[in-house]
Amino acid sequence: MKTTIRTQEVSIEKPNIFPNPAHGWLTVALKEPNGVFEMYDLTGRMVFSKRLVSGENRVTPSLISGVYFARIMVHRATLMTAKVIWQP
C-alpha cells in the first residue's frame, strides 16, 4: 500500500514599516487581515499595541524619543521584527 501526502506552500508577504526614523507616526503596510502591531522599549516592556487590518495602517503612539523594537504578528505568529527610531 502506498500513501501520498500532499502539502500546500503558503506564501505570506513581508509587512512594511515606514518612515524610519519616525516623526510622530508610522505606517504599517500589511497584506494579511487581523494583525497586531506592538512596540517594545529597550528593557523589553511593551509600550504600544494596535490591531491591524489588511492594507496601510497609520499608528500614532505617544512615546518619548528613543529606539524601540516593533513586532508584527498574524495568527500569533511573528511576521516581522524591526528596530524603530522614534521622534515625536
Protein backbone atom coordinates (compact mmCIF):
# COMPACT_ATOMS: atom_id res chain seq x y z
CA MET A 1 0.00 0.00 0.00
CA LYS A 2 1.38 3.39 -0.99
CA THR A 3 0.47 6.60 0.88
CA THR A 4 0.83 10.03 -0.70
CA ILE A 5 0.75 13.21 1.33
CA ARG A 6 0.22 16.50 -0.41
CA THR A 7 1.28 19.77 1.10
CA GLN A 8 0.49 23.27 0.03
CA GLU A 9 3.00 26.08 0.34
CA VAL A 10 1.67 29.22 1.94
CA SER A 11 3.32 32.46 0.95
CA ILE A 12 2.99 35.44 3.28
CA GLU A 13 4.30 38.76 2.03
CA LYS A 14 6.58 40.56 4.46
CA PRO A 15 4.96 43.60 6.10
CA ASN A 16 6.49 47.05 5.79
CA ILE A 17 7.02 49.78 8.41
CA PHE A 18 7.79 53.33 7.31
CA PRO A 19 9.11 56.00 7.70
CA ASN A 20 12.07 55.12 9.87
CA PRO A 21 13.14 57.26 11.68
CA ALA A 22 9.55 58.10 12.53
CA HIS A 23 8.38 61.62 13.39
CA GLY A 24 5.10 61.26 15.33
CA TRP A 25 3.54 58.49 13.23
CA LEU A 26 4.29 55.25 11.40
CA THR A 27 2.60 53.47 8.54
CA VAL A 28 2.38 49.69 8.80
CA ALA A 29 1.55 48.01 5.49
CA LEU A 30 0.18 44.50 5.88
CA LYS A 31 -1.30 42.11 3.30
CA GLU A 32 -2.83 39.77 5.88
CA PRO A 33 -6.02 40.58 7.82
CA ASN A 34 -6.24 40.66 11.62
CA GLY A 35 -2.68 41.58 12.51
CA VAL A 36 -1.22 43.09 15.67
CA PHE A 37 1.48 45.77 15.84
CA GLU A 38 3.46 46.07 19.08
CA MET A 39 6.31 48.32 20.18
CA TYR A 40 8.76 47.49 22.97
CA ASP A 41 11.27 49.68 24.77
CA LEU A 42 14.88 48.57 25.23
CA THR A 43 14.05 46.80 28.50
CA GLY A 44 11.57 44.55 26.66
CA ARG A 45 8.44 46.20 28.10
CA MET A 46 5.55 46.51 25.65
CA VAL A 47 4.72 50.23 25.39
CA PHE A 48 2.22 50.23 22.50
CA SER A 49 -0.15 47.79 20.82
CA LYS A 50 -2.67 48.18 18.00
CA ARG A 51 -4.78 45.83 15.89
CA LEU A 52 -4.11 46.00 12.16
CA VAL A 53 -6.26 45.46 9.11
CA SER A 54 -5.14 44.49 5.64
CA GLY A 55 -3.62 47.47 3.83
CA GLU A 56 -1.92 50.56 5.22
CA ASN A 57 -2.43 51.29 8.93
CA ARG A 58 -1.35 54.60 10.45
CA VAL A 59 -0.16 54.29 14.05
CA THR A 60 0.47 57.24 16.37
CA PRO A 61 1.90 56.04 19.69
CA SER A 62 2.54 58.63 22.42
CA LEU A 63 6.16 57.77 23.16
CA ILE A 64 9.26 59.71 24.13
CA SER A 65 12.17 59.93 21.69
CA GLY A 66 14.27 56.80 21.53
CA VAL A 67 14.91 53.43 19.96
CA TYR A 68 12.14 50.82 20.10
CA PHE A 69 11.55 47.36 18.73
CA ALA A 70 8.44 46.75 16.64
CA ARG A 71 6.77 43.39 16.13
CA ILE A 72 4.02 42.50 13.67
CA MET A 73 2.04 39.35 14.36
CA VAL A 74 -0.71 37.50 12.48
CA HIS A 75 -2.46 34.48 14.00
CA ARG A 76 0.00 34.50 16.93
CA ALA A 77 2.97 34.12 14.57
CA THR A 78 5.59 36.84 14.30
CA LEU A 79 5.91 38.02 10.70
CA MET A 80 8.43 40.77 11.32
CA THR A 81 10.53 42.48 13.95
CA ALA A 82 12.30 45.76 13.33
CA LYS A 83 14.21 48.47 15.15
CA VAL A 84 12.36 51.82 15.02
CA ILE A 85 13.88 55.20 15.80
CA TRP A 86 11.06 57.29 17.29
CA GLN A 87 10.98 61.07 17.36
CA PRO A 88 7.65 62.62 18.42
